[in-house]
Amino acid sequence: MKSKSLSVMMVRWLLLVPLCTIGCELVAGIEDRTLGDSPECKQYCTDVMSECIGDTAVYESPKVCSAVCRLLDLGDKNEAAGDTVACREKRVEAQALSEAKSVCPKAGPGTGSPCLADTVDASAACQSYCHLLPRACPAEAAKVHLDSEPECLRQCAALNVPAGDFNINKYKSGDTLECRLYHLSAAAVDPTTHCQHTLIAPWTAKQPCLDDPLGAPSCDRYCSIMDAACTGTNGGRFAVYETTEQCKAVCNTLAGAGMLGTNSDLAATPKNESPTNTIGCRKFHAYSALNDPELHCKHAGPTSAGYC
């Protein structure tokens, strides 16, 4: 009886071996894709971490570089085009022919395309941002419609134009696309901490990728956000300004009346309670209007609909 039980167990074990082998291969495959680096990523991260250092560093660590690289398309170095790993690697290889300060920013996360362009302009950097964001922070991107590339590119136009000198030491804070790219790179390793800092419109007025909370907002910055959200054709039926010039004229009038406020101003509770009847409050709602113009354009406009 005991011998028969052992035989049955042996048969069952033999039947399970092929299934376990297949299952283990599948698990191993998942681990390889998730945790392992391709040869292209290994080469790129080795090169960019050794060539772009100090005030030209574009990744905090090899771990961050590897995590970002896994989110990118590999591409083909022979074609030298596209927002790819191959494009970035080709830029690093060009270092021998150029200065690190001009090459390294174009080899980092915001390289854009075409691959060997002399500069990384706003549209190219936004292209990289909109490519990486939904891959690194899918839930956060979906909440504000940044998982759609056309919508992401539309909203990205509200951000400061890249200075062309991206590095991890300079752009950990400040209201720029580069700051968001820094936190987006970090989110590839630690999404819980950094995904909330990667979005175009801030969740609060005190997030790292914003202007100095105690500083006064500028009319140029306020109106550049309004241009993308609530002005002219971009604002659609929710537009509160016809042109950028009109926005700046209104802003300068309010500024002359001492109503600039600070970059951390929010709508007060109850409404109309000072000191939030400011350009700072309107600027915050201008950012929010990028995602929800119906609700926030009127709050970002000249009267703020009594909200600021």
C-alpha atoms as a PDB file:
ATOM      1  CA  MET A   1       0.000   0.000   0.000  1.00  0.00           C
ATOM      2  CA  LYS A   2       2.837   2.344   0.947  1.00  0.00           C
ATOM      3  CA  SER A   3       4.701   1.474  -2.262  1.00  0.00           C
ATOM      4  CA  LYS A   4       1.624   2.262  -4.344  1.00  0.00           C
ATOM      5  CA  SER A   5       1.252   5.699  -2.676  1.00  0.00           C
ATOM      6  CA  LEU A   6       4.878   6.483  -3.375  1.00  0.00           C
ATOM      7  CA  SER A   7       4.435   5.490  -7.013  1.00  0.00           C
ATOM      8  CA  VAL A   8       1.410   7.743  -7.396  1.00  0.00           C
ATOM      9  CA  MET A   9       3.316  10.641  -5.836  1.00  0.00           C
ATOM     10  CA  MET A  10       6.254  10.014  -8.128  1.00  0.00           C
ATOM     11  CA  VAL A  11       4.020  10.092 -11.221  1.00  0.00           C
ATOM     12  CA  ARG A  12       2.387  13.318 -10.075  1.00  0.00           C
ATOM     13  CA  TRP A  13       5.806  14.903  -9.468  1.00  0.00           C
ATOM     14  CA  LEU A  14       7.026  13.877 -12.935  1.00  0.00           C
ATOM     15  CA  LEU A  15       3.902  15.367 -14.497  1.00  0.00           C
ATOM     16  CA  LEU A  16       4.502  18.639 -12.708  1.00  0.00           C
ATOM     17  CA  VAL A  17       8.155  18.978 -13.756  1.00  0.00           C
ATOM     18  CA  PRO A  18       7.438  20.169 -17.341  1.00  0.00           C
ATOM     19  CA  LEU A  19       4.814  22.611 -16.044  1.00  0.00           C
ATOM     20  CA  CYS A  20       7.218  23.984 -13.457  1.00  0.00           C
ATOM     21  CA  THR A  21       9.910  24.272 -16.091  1.00  0.00           C
ATOM     22  CA  ILE A  22       7.617  26.259 -18.365  1.00  0.00           C
ATOM     23  CA  GLY A  23       6.368  28.379 -15.487  1.00  0.00           C
ATOM     24  CA  CYS A  24       9.885  29.086 -14.241  1.00  0.00           C
ATOM     25  CA  GLU A  25      10.951  30.094 -17.730  1.00  0.00           C
ATOM     26  CA  LEU A  26       8.032  32.510 -17.899  1.00  0.00           C
ATOM     27  CA  VAL A  27       8.897  33.979 -14.515  1.00  0.00           C
ATOM     28  CA  ALA A  28      12.543  34.206 -15.489  1.00  0.00           C
ATOM     29  CA  GLY A  29      11.551  35.955 -18.691  1.00  0.00           C
ATOM     30  CA  ILE A  30       9.498  38.497 -16.768  1.00  0.00           C
ATOM     31  CA  GLU A  31      12.389  39.122 -14.402  1.00  0.00           C
ATOM     32  CA  ASP A  32      14.778  39.520 -17.303  1.00  0.00           C
ATOM     33  CA  ARG A  33      12.556  42.108 -18.951  1.00  0.00           C
ATOM     34  CA  THR A  34      11.851  43.941 -15.726  1.00  0.00           C
ATOM     35  CA  LEU A  35      15.125  43.809 -13.846  1.00  0.00           C
ATOM     36  CA  GLY A  36      17.768  43.041 -16.436  1.00  0.00           C
ATOM     37  CA  ASP A  37      19.313  45.513 -18.836  1.00  0.00           C
ATOM     38  CA  SER A  38      19.656  45.020 -22.560  1.00  0.00           C
ATOM     39  CA  PRO A  39      23.192  45.232 -23.979  1.00  0.00           C
ATOM     40  CA  GLU A  40      22.220  48.605 -25.429  1.00  0.00           C
ATOM     41  CA  CYS A  41      21.165  49.945 -22.022  1.00  0.00           C
ATOM     42  CA  LYS A  42      24.283  48.574 -20.358  1.00  0.00           C
ATOM     43  CA  GLN A  43      26.488  50.293 -22.922  1.00  0.00           C
ATOM     44  CA  TYR A  44      24.569  53.565 -22.802  1.00  0.00           C
ATOM     45  CA  CYS A  45      24.528  53.786 -19.003  1.00  0.00           C
ATOM     46  CA  THR A  46      28.190  52.835 -18.723  1.00  0.00           C
ATOM     47  CA  ASP A  47      29.104  55.570 -21.185  1.00  0.00           C
ATOM     48  CA  VAL A  48      26.814  58.343 -19.970  1.00  0.00           C
ATOM     49  CA  MET A  49      27.705  57.766 -16.301  1.00  0.00           C
ATOM     50  CA  SER A  50      31.435  57.910 -17.076  1.00  0.00           C
ATOM     51  CA  GLU A  51      31.341  60.820 -19.539  1.00  0.00           C
ATOM     52  CA  CYS A  52      28.670  63.046 -17.966  1.00  0.00           C
ATOM     53  CA  ILE A  53      29.790  63.716 -14.413  1.00  0.00           C
ATOM     54  CA  GLY A  54      29.843  66.589 -11.947  1.00  0.00           C
ATOM     55  CA  ASP A  55      28.040  69.628 -13.306  1.00  0.00           C
ATOM     56  CA  THR A  56      27.212  67.754 -16.522  1.00  0.00           C
ATOM     57  CA  ALA A  57      25.654  64.665 -14.867  1.00  0.00           C
ATOM     58  CA  VAL A  58      22.216  63.762 -16.237  1.00  0.00           C
ATOM     59  CA  TYR A  59      21.394  60.776 -13.991  1.00  0.00           C
ATOM     60  CA  GLU A  60      21.649  60.484 -10.211  1.00  0.00           C
ATOM     61  CA  SER A  61      23.059  56.953 -10.366  1.00  0.00           C
ATOM     62  CA  PRO A  62      23.551  53.968 -12.692  1.00  0.00           C
ATOM     63  CA  LYS A  63      20.372  52.513 -11.156  1.00  0.00           C
ATOM     64  CA  VAL A  64      18.335  55.538 -12.265  1.00  0.00           C
ATOM     65  CA  CYS A  65      19.906  55.485 -15.727  1.00  0.00           C
ATOM     66  CA  SER A  66      19.058  51.792 -16.116  1.00  0.00           C
ATOM     67  CA  ALA A  67      15.489  52.324 -14.940  1.00  0.00           C
ATOM     68  CA  VAL A  68      14.948  55.152 -17.448  1.00  0.00           C
ATOM     69  CA  CYS A  69      16.599  53.177 -20.228  1.00  0.00           C
ATOM     70  CA  ARG A  70      14.130  50.320 -19.747  1.00  0.00           C
ATOM     71  CA  LEU A  71      11.295  52.750 -20.488  1.00  0.00           C
ATOM     72  CA  LEU A  72      12.799  53.839 -23.811  1.00  0.00           C
ATOM     73  CA  ASP A  73      12.669  52.290 -27.251  1.00  0.00           C
ATOM     74  CA  LEU A  74      16.076  50.909 -28.214  1.00  0.00           C
ATOM     75  CA  GLY A  75      16.178  52.291 -31.763  1.00  0.00           C
ATOM     76  CA  ASP A  76      18.929  51.851 -34.329  1.00  0.00           C
ATOM     77  CA  LYS A  77      22.226  53.745 -34.148  1.00  0.00           C
ATOM     78  CA  ASN A  78      22.658  53.501 -37.886  1.00  0.00           C
ATOM     79  CA  GLU A  79      19.502  55.548 -38.426  1.00  0.00           C
ATOM     80  CA  ALA A  80      20.491  58.112 -35.796  1.00  0.00           C
ATOM     81  CA  ALA A  81      16.944  59.343 -35.329  1.00  0.00           C
ATOM     82  CA  GLY A  82      14.122  59.259 -32.840  1.00  0.00           C
ATOM     83  CA  ASP A  83      13.704  59.512 -29.085  1.00  0.00           C
ATOM     84  CA  THR A  84      15.627  56.287 -28.423  1.00  0.00           C
ATOM     85  CA  VAL A  85      18.477  54.701 -26.496  1.00  0.00           C
ATOM     86  CA  ALA A  86      20.470  54.550 -29.741  1.00  0.00           C
ATOM     87  CA  CYS A  87      20.028  58.285 -30.217  1.00  0.00           C
ATOM     88  CA  ARG A  88      21.298  59.016 -26.710  1.00  0.00           C
ATOM     89  CA  GLU A  89      24.241  56.651 -27.082  1.00  0.00           C
ATOM     90  CA  LYS A  90      25.215  58.358 -30.329  1.00  0.00           C
ATOM     91  CA  ARG A  91      25.205  61.706 -28.559  1.00  0.00           C
ATOM     92  CA  VAL A  92      27.525  60.327 -25.851  1.00  0.00           C
ATOM     93  CA  GLU A  93      29.866  58.991 -28.513  1.00  0.00           C
ATOM     94  CA  ALA A  94      29.976  62.481 -30.037  1.00  0.00           C
ATOM     95  CA  GLN A  95      31.480  63.755 -26.787  1.00  0.00           C
ATOM     96  CA  ALA A  96      34.980  63.341 -28.166  1.00  0.00           C
ATOM     97  CA  LEU A  97      34.106  65.933 -30.801  1.00  0.00           C
ATOM     98  CA  SER A  98      32.460  68.447 -28.487  1.00  0.00           C
ATOM     99  CA  GLU A  99      32.272  69.880 -24.980  1.00  0.00           C
ATOM    100  CA  ALA A 100      30.547  67.852 -22.281  1.00  0.00           C
ATOM    101  CA  LYS A 101      28.331  70.803 -21.329  1.00  0.00           C
ATOM    102  CA  SER A 102      26.817  70.892 -24.794  1.00  0.00           C
ATOM    103  CA  VAL A 103      26.640  67.136 -25.400  1.00  0.00           C
ATOM    104  CA  CYS A 104      25.522  65.684 -22.059  1.00  0.00           C
ATOM    105  CA  PRO A 105      22.169  67.521 -21.822  1.00  0.00           C
ATOM    106  CA  LYS A 106      21.334  66.052 -25.232  1.00  0.00           C
ATOM    107  CA  ALA A 107      22.285  62.562 -24.055  1.00  0.00           C
ATOM    108  CA  GLY A 108      20.003  62.618 -21.011  1.00  0.00           C
ATOM    109  CA  PRO A 109      16.314  61.875 -20.465  1.00  0.00           C
ATOM    110  CA  GLY A 110      15.046  64.921 -22.411  1.00  0.00           C
ATOM    111  CA  THR A 111      16.992  64.421 -25.629  1.00  0.00           C
ATOM    112  CA  GLY A 112      14.049  64.548 -28.035  1.00  0.00           C
ATOM    113  CA  SER A 113      14.654  64.128 -31.749  1.00  0.00           C
ATOM    114  CA  PRO A 114      16.074  64.313 -34.363  1.00  0.00           C
ATOM    115  CA  CYS A 115      19.004  62.544 -32.810  1.00  0.00           C
ATOM    116  CA  LEU A 116      21.902  64.829 -33.664  1.00  0.00           C
ATOM    117  CA  ALA A 117      20.171  68.210 -33.601  1.00  0.00           C
ATOM    118  CA  ASP A 118      22.431  71.027 -32.417  1.00  0.00           C
ATOM    119  CA  THR A 119      20.052  71.951 -29.607  1.00  0.00           C
ATOM    120  CA  VAL A 120      17.215  70.387 -27.664  1.00  0.00           C
ATOM    121  CA  ASP A 121      14.294  72.748 -28.132  1.00  0.00           C
ATOM    122  CA  ALA A 122      11.051  72.831 -26.178  1.00  0.00           C
ATOM    123  CA  SER A 123       9.118  70.617 -28.573  1.00  0.00           C
ATOM    124  CA  ALA A 124      11.858  67.968 -28.586  1.00  0.00           C
ATOM    125  CA  ALA A 125      12.175  67.933 -24.790  1.00  0.00           C
ATOM    126  CA  CYS A 126       8.379  67.773 -24.428  1.00  0.00           C
ATOM    127  CA  GLN A 127       8.385  64.810 -26.800  1.00  0.00           C
ATOM    128  CA  SER A 128      10.721  62.916 -24.471  1.00  0.00           C
ATOM    129  CA  TYR A 129       8.747  63.957 -21.399  1.00  0.00           C
ATOM    130  CA  CYS A 130       5.465  62.805 -22.947  1.00  0.00           C
ATOM    131  CA  HIS A 131       7.073  59.548 -24.007  1.00  0.00           C
ATOM    132  CA  LEU A 132       8.459  58.715 -20.566  1.00  0.00           C
ATOM    133  CA  LEU A 133       5.723  59.996 -18.244  1.00  0.00           C
ATOM    134  CA  PRO A 134       2.947  57.449 -18.956  1.00  0.00           C
ATOM    135  CA  ARG A 135       5.504  54.655 -18.796  1.00  0.00           C
ATOM    136  CA  ALA A 136       7.005  55.688 -15.466  1.00  0.00           C
ATOM    137  CA  CYS A 137       3.825  57.034 -13.814  1.00  0.00           C
ATOM    138  CA  PRO A 138       0.834  55.538 -15.663  1.00  0.00           C
ATOM    139  CA  ALA A 139      -1.783  56.138 -12.960  1.00  0.00           C
ATOM    140  CA  GLU A 140      -0.791  59.747 -12.328  1.00  0.00           C
ATOM    141  CA  ALA A 141      -0.560  60.523 -16.043  1.00  0.00           C
ATOM    142  CA  ALA A 142      -3.986  59.041 -16.732  1.00  0.00           C
ATOM    143  CA  LYS A 143      -5.664  61.146 -14.021  1.00  0.00           C
ATOM    144  CA  VAL A 144      -4.777  64.368 -15.849  1.00  0.00           C
ATOM    145  CA  HIS A 145      -4.939  62.995 -19.414  1.00  0.00           C
ATOM    146  CA  LEU A 146      -1.174  63.106 -19.894  1.00  0.00           C
ATOM    147  CA  ASP A 147      -1.266  59.511 -21.099  1.00  0.00           C
ATOM    148  CA  SER A 148      -2.431  60.967 -24.428  1.00  0.00           C
ATOM    149  CA  GLU A 149       0.584  62.258 -26.370  1.00  0.00           C
ATOM    150  CA  PRO A 150      -1.287  65.079 -28.192  1.00  0.00           C
ATOM    151  CA  GLU A 151      -2.806  66.279 -24.912  1.00  0.00           C
ATOM    152  CA  CYS A 152       0.509  65.956 -23.098  1.00  0.00           C
ATOM    153  CA  LEU A 153       2.295  67.987 -25.780  1.00  0.00           C
ATOM    154  CA  ARG A 154      -0.428  70.648 -25.601  1.00  0.00           C
ATOM    155  CA  GLN A 155      -0.037  71.009 -21.848  1.00  0.00           C
ATOM    156  CA  CYS A 156       3.747  70.811 -21.998  1.00  0.00           C
ATOM    157  CA  ALA A 157       3.791  74.005 -24.078  1.00  0.00           C
ATOM    158  CA  ALA A 158       2.952  75.890 -20.856  1.00  0.00           C
ATOM    159  CA  LEU A 159       6.305  75.038 -19.279  1.00  0.00           C
ATOM    160  CA  ASN A 160       9.483  77.098 -19.373  1.00  0.00           C
ATOM    161  CA  VAL A 161      11.553  76.478 -22.504  1.00  0.00           C
ATOM    162  CA  PRO A 162      14.556  74.264 -21.684  1.00  0.00           C
ATOM    163  CA  ALA A 163      17.802  76.151 -21.241  1.00  0.00           C
ATOM    164  CA  GLY A 164      19.763  73.416 -23.004  1.00  0.00           C
ATOM    165  CA  ASP A 165      21.954  72.744 -19.972  1.00  0.00           C
ATOM    166  CA  PHE A 166      20.048  69.994 -18.164  1.00  0.00           C
ATOM    167  CA  ASN A 167      21.905  68.486 -15.243  1.00  0.00           C
ATOM    168  CA  ILE A 168      20.789  66.816 -12.029  1.00  0.00           C
ATOM    169  CA  ASN A 169      22.458  69.394  -9.779  1.00  0.00           C
ATOM    170  CA  LYS A 170      20.694  72.439 -11.216  1.00  0.00           C
ATOM    171  CA  TYR A 171      17.158  71.215 -11.806  1.00  0.00           C
ATOM    172  CA  LYS A 172      15.940  69.427  -8.685  1.00  0.00           C
ATOM    173  CA  SER A 173      13.585  72.349  -8.137  1.00  0.00           C
ATOM    174  CA  GLY A 174      12.128  75.269 -10.082  1.00  0.00           C
ATOM    175  CA  ASP A 175       9.238  75.692 -12.507  1.00  0.00           C
ATOM    176  CA  THR A 176      10.866  74.131 -15.561  1.00  0.00           C
ATOM    177  CA  LEU A 177      10.501  71.133 -17.779  1.00  0.00           C
ATOM    178  CA  GLU A 178      14.009  70.096 -16.735  1.00  0.00           C
ATOM    179  CA  CYS A 179      12.904  69.798 -13.088  1.00  0.00           C
ATOM    180  CA  ARG A 180      10.042  67.562 -14.122  1.00  0.00           C
ATOM    181  CA  LEU A 181      12.458  65.454 -16.184  1.00  0.00           C
ATOM    182  CA  TYR A 182      14.721  65.099 -13.136  1.00  0.00           C
ATOM    183  CA  HIS A 183      11.834  63.837 -10.983  1.00  0.00           C
ATOM    184  CA  LEU A 184      10.561  61.708 -13.867  1.00  0.00           C
ATOM    185  CA  SER A 185      13.937  59.957 -13.994  1.00  0.00           C
ATOM    186  CA  ALA A 186      13.811  59.443 -10.234  1.00  0.00           C
ATOM    187  CA  ALA A 187      10.234  58.123 -10.537  1.00  0.00           C
ATOM    188  CA  ALA A 188      11.480  55.277 -12.727  1.00  0.00           C
ATOM    189  CA  VAL A 189      13.069  53.921  -9.520  1.00  0.00           C
ATOM    190  CA  ASP A 190      10.797  55.398  -6.842  1.00  0.00           C
ATOM    191  CA  PRO A 191       7.362  56.224  -8.289  1.00  0.00           C
ATOM    192  CA  THR A 192       5.696  56.648  -4.891  1.00  0.00           C
ATOM    193  CA  THR A 193       7.898  59.583  -3.959  1.00  0.00           C
ATOM    194  CA  HIS A 194       8.475  61.230  -7.317  1.00  0.00           C
ATOM    195  CA  CYS A 195       5.492  60.681  -9.644  1.00  0.00           C
ATOM    196  CA  GLN A 196       3.512  63.453  -7.967  1.00  0.00           C
ATOM    197  CA  HIS A 197       6.382  65.849  -8.764  1.00  0.00           C
ATOM    198  CA  THR A 198       6.525  65.005 -12.458  1.00  0.00           C
ATOM    199  CA  LEU A 199       3.175  66.442 -13.554  1.00  0.00           C
ATOM    200  CA  ILE A 200       2.816  69.691 -15.478  1.00  0.00           C
ATOM    201  CA  ALA A 201       0.090  71.194 -13.287  1.00  0.00           C
ATOM    202  CA  PRO A 202       1.086  71.077  -9.596  1.00  0.00           C
ATOM    203  CA  TRP A 203      -1.073  69.326  -7.036  1.00  0.00           C
ATOM    204  CA  THR A 204      -0.162  71.924  -4.434  1.00  0.00           C
ATOM    205  CA  ALA A 205       1.514  75.324  -4.557  1.00  0.00           C
ATOM    206  CA  LYS A 206       4.562  74.025  -2.680  1.00  0.00           C
ATOM    207  CA  GLN A 207       5.854  71.225  -4.884  1.00  0.00           C
ATOM    208  CA  PRO A 208       9.534  71.176  -5.902  1.00  0.00           C
ATOM    209  CA  CYS A 209       9.008  71.962  -9.588  1.00  0.00           C
ATOM    210  CA  LEU A 210       7.538  75.408  -8.999  1.00  0.00           C
ATOM    211  CA  ASP A 211       8.928  78.903  -8.591  1.00  0.00           C
ATOM    212  CA  ASP A 212      10.056  80.133  -5.176  1.00  0.00           C
ATOM    213  CA  PRO A 213       6.905  79.958  -2.989  1.00  0.00           C
ATOM    214  CA  LEU A 214       7.770  83.269  -1.326  1.00  0.00           C
ATOM    215  CA  GLY A 215       8.665  84.996  -4.569  1.00  0.00           C
ATOM    216  CA  ALA A 216       6.327  87.136  -6.666  1.00  0.00           C
ATOM    217  CA  PRO A 217       4.970  85.607  -9.897  1.00  0.00           C
ATOM    218  CA  SER A 218       5.817  87.287 -13.177  1.00  0.00           C
ATOM    219  CA  CYS A 219       3.232  88.368 -15.731  1.00  0.00           C
ATOM    220  CA  ASP A 220       5.247  86.634 -18.453  1.00  0.00           C
ATOM    221  CA  ARG A 221       5.047  83.307 -16.616  1.00  0.00           C
ATOM    222  CA  TYR A 222       1.371  83.659 -15.762  1.00  0.00           C
ATOM    223  CA  CYS A 223       0.470  84.548 -19.349  1.00  0.00           C
ATOM    224  CA  SER A 224       2.568  81.772 -20.867  1.00  0.00           C
ATOM    225  CA  ILE A 225       0.514  79.251 -18.871  1.00  0.00           C
ATOM    226  CA  MET A 226      -2.696  81.039 -19.838  1.00  0.00           C
ATOM    227  CA  ASP A 227      -1.642  80.872 -23.497  1.00  0.00           C
ATOM    228  CA  ALA A 228      -1.748  77.084 -23.354  1.00  0.00           C
ATOM    229  CA  ALA A 229      -4.936  76.913 -21.305  1.00  0.00           C
ATOM    230  CA  CYS A 230      -7.286  79.885 -21.523  1.00  0.00           C
ATOM    231  CA  THR A 231      -6.242  82.287 -24.292  1.00  0.00           C
ATOM    232  CA  GLY A 232      -7.366  82.518 -27.913  1.00  0.00           C
ATOM    233  CA  THR A 233      -7.903  79.299 -29.820  1.00  0.00           C
ATOM    234  CA  ASN A 234      -6.054  77.213 -27.204  1.00  0.00           C
ATOM    235  CA  GLY A 235      -8.620  78.247 -24.609  1.00  0.00           C
ATOM    236  CA  GLY A 236     -11.502  77.385 -26.905  1.00  0.00           C
ATOM    237  CA  ARG A 237     -14.896  78.304 -25.553  1.00  0.00           C
ATOM    238  CA  PHE A 238     -13.398  78.732 -22.075  1.00  0.00           C
ATOM    239  CA  ALA A 239     -10.891  81.400 -23.158  1.00  0.00           C
ATOM    240  CA  VAL A 240     -10.798  84.473 -20.912  1.00  0.00           C
ATOM    241  CA  TYR A 241      -8.206  86.407 -22.946  1.00  0.00           C
ATOM    242  CA  GLU A 242      -8.196  86.966 -26.676  1.00  0.00           C
ATOM    243  CA  THR A 243      -4.424  87.409 -26.973  1.00  0.00           C
ATOM    244  CA  THR A 244      -1.227  87.169 -24.957  1.00  0.00           C
ATOM    245  CA  GLU A 245      -0.895  90.950 -25.092  1.00  0.00           C
ATOM    246  CA  GLN A 246      -4.313  91.341 -23.502  1.00  0.00           C
ATOM    247  CA  CYS A 247      -3.325  88.933 -20.729  1.00  0.00           C
ATOM    248  CA  LYS A 248      -0.123  90.868 -20.023  1.00  0.00           C
ATOM    249  CA  ALA A 249      -1.978  94.204 -20.012  1.00  0.00           C
ATOM    250  CA  VAL A 250      -4.437  92.930 -17.411  1.00  0.00           C
ATOM    251  CA  CYS A 251      -1.667  91.326 -15.366  1.00  0.00           C
ATOM    252  CA  ASN A 252       0.424  94.516 -15.375  1.00  0.00           C
ATOM    253  CA  THR A 253      -2.605  96.502 -14.245  1.00  0.00           C
ATOM    254  CA  LEU A 254      -3.188  94.126 -11.335  1.00  0.00           C
ATOM    255  CA  ALA A 255       0.523  94.157 -10.518  1.00  0.00           C
ATOM    256  CA  GLY A 256       0.464  97.960 -10.445  1.00  0.00           C
ATOM    257  CA  ALA A 257      -2.334  97.753  -7.913  1.00  0.00           C
ATOM    258  CA  GLY A 258      -0.149  95.624  -5.638  1.00  0.00           C
ATOM    259  CA  MET A 259      -1.883  92.363  -6.475  1.00  0.00           C
ATOM    260  CA  LEU A 260       1.034  90.161  -7.584  1.00  0.00           C
ATOM    261  CA  GLY A 261       1.110  88.158  -4.349  1.00  0.00           C
ATOM    262  CA  THR A 262       3.346  85.091  -4.155  1.00  0.00           C
ATOM    263  CA  ASN A 263       3.805  81.859  -6.062  1.00  0.00           C
ATOM    264  CA  SER A 264       2.244  79.922  -3.193  1.00  0.00           C
ATOM    265  CA  ASP A 265      -1.078  81.795  -3.177  1.00  0.00           C
ATOM    266  CA  LEU A 266      -4.183  79.630  -3.322  1.00  0.00           C
ATOM    267  CA  ALA A 267      -7.859  80.433  -3.191  1.00  0.00           C
ATOM    268  CA  ALA A 268      -8.744  81.201   0.398  1.00  0.00           C
ATOM    269  CA  THR A 269     -11.598  79.857   2.481  1.00  0.00           C
ATOM    270  CA  PRO A 270     -13.971  81.590   2.614  1.00  0.00           C
ATOM    271  CA  LYS A 271     -13.708  82.969  -0.927  1.00  0.00           C
ATOM    272  CA  ASN A 272     -12.360  86.480  -1.448  1.00  0.00           C
ATOM    273  CA  GLU A 273     -10.471  86.448   1.836  1.00  0.00           C
ATOM    274  CA  SER A 274      -7.176  88.323   1.436  1.00  0.00           C
ATOM    275  CA  PRO A 275      -4.344  87.985   0.578  1.00  0.00           C
ATOM    276  CA  THR A 276      -5.199  85.514  -2.183  1.00  0.00           C
ATOM    277  CA  ASN A 277      -6.808  87.948  -4.652  1.00  0.00           C
ATOM    278  CA  THR A 278      -3.537  87.908  -6.531  1.00  0.00           C
ATOM    279  CA  ILE A 279      -1.786  86.921  -9.736  1.00  0.00           C
ATOM    280  CA  GLY A 280      -0.212  84.098  -7.714  1.00  0.00           C
ATOM    281  CA  CYS A 281      -3.649  82.607  -7.080  1.00  0.00           C
ATOM    282  CA  ARG A 282      -4.628  83.055 -10.717  1.00  0.00           C
ATOM    283  CA  LYS A 283      -1.379  81.428 -11.829  1.00  0.00           C
ATOM    284  CA  PHE A 284      -2.142  78.342  -9.740  1.00  0.00           C
ATOM    285  CA  HIS A 285      -5.583  78.068 -11.344  1.00  0.00           C
ATOM    286  CA  ALA A 286      -4.072  78.670 -14.783  1.00  0.00           C
ATOM    287  CA  TYR A 287      -2.028  75.514 -14.255  1.00  0.00           C
ATOM    288  CA  SER A 288      -5.125  73.648 -13.096  1.00  0.00           C
ATOM    289  CA  ALA A 289      -6.973  74.890 -16.190  1.00  0.00           C
ATOM    290  CA  LEU A 290      -4.585  72.954 -18.412  1.00  0.00           C
ATOM    291  CA  ASN A 291      -6.411  69.815 -17.350  1.00  0.00           C
ATOM    292  CA  ASP A 292      -9.840  71.258 -16.529  1.00  0.00           C
ATOM    293  CA  PRO A 293     -10.440  74.518 -18.447  1.00  0.00           C
ATOM    294  CA  GLU A 294     -14.181  74.534 -17.802  1.00  0.00           C
ATOM    295  CA  LEU A 295     -13.671  74.783 -14.063  1.00  0.00           C
ATOM    296  CA  HIS A 296     -10.462  76.753 -13.754  1.00  0.00           C
ATOM    297  CA  CYS A 297     -10.182  79.227 -16.662  1.00  0.00           C
ATOM    298  CA  LYS A 298     -12.705  81.538 -15.024  1.00  0.00           C
ATOM    299  CA  HIS A 299     -10.756  81.284 -11.749  1.00  0.00           C
ATOM    300  CA  ALA A 300      -7.521  82.147 -13.570  1.00  0.00           C
ATOM    301  CA  GLY A 301      -9.005  85.156 -15.395  1.00  0.00           C
ATOM    302  CA  PRO A 302      -9.149  88.891 -14.597  1.00  0.00           C
ATOM    303  CA  THR A 303     -11.984  88.705 -12.032  1.00  0.00           C
ATOM    304  CA  SER A 304     -11.209  85.099 -10.984  1.00  0.00           C
ATOM    305  CA  ALA A 305     -15.002  84.707 -10.822  1.00  0.00           C
ATOM    306  CA  GLY A 306     -14.693  85.807  -7.208  1.00  0.00           C
ATOM    307  CA  TYR A 307     -12.638  82.724  -6.363  1.00  0.00           C
ATOM    308  CA  CYS A 308      -9.183  84.168  -5.637  1.00  0.00           C
END
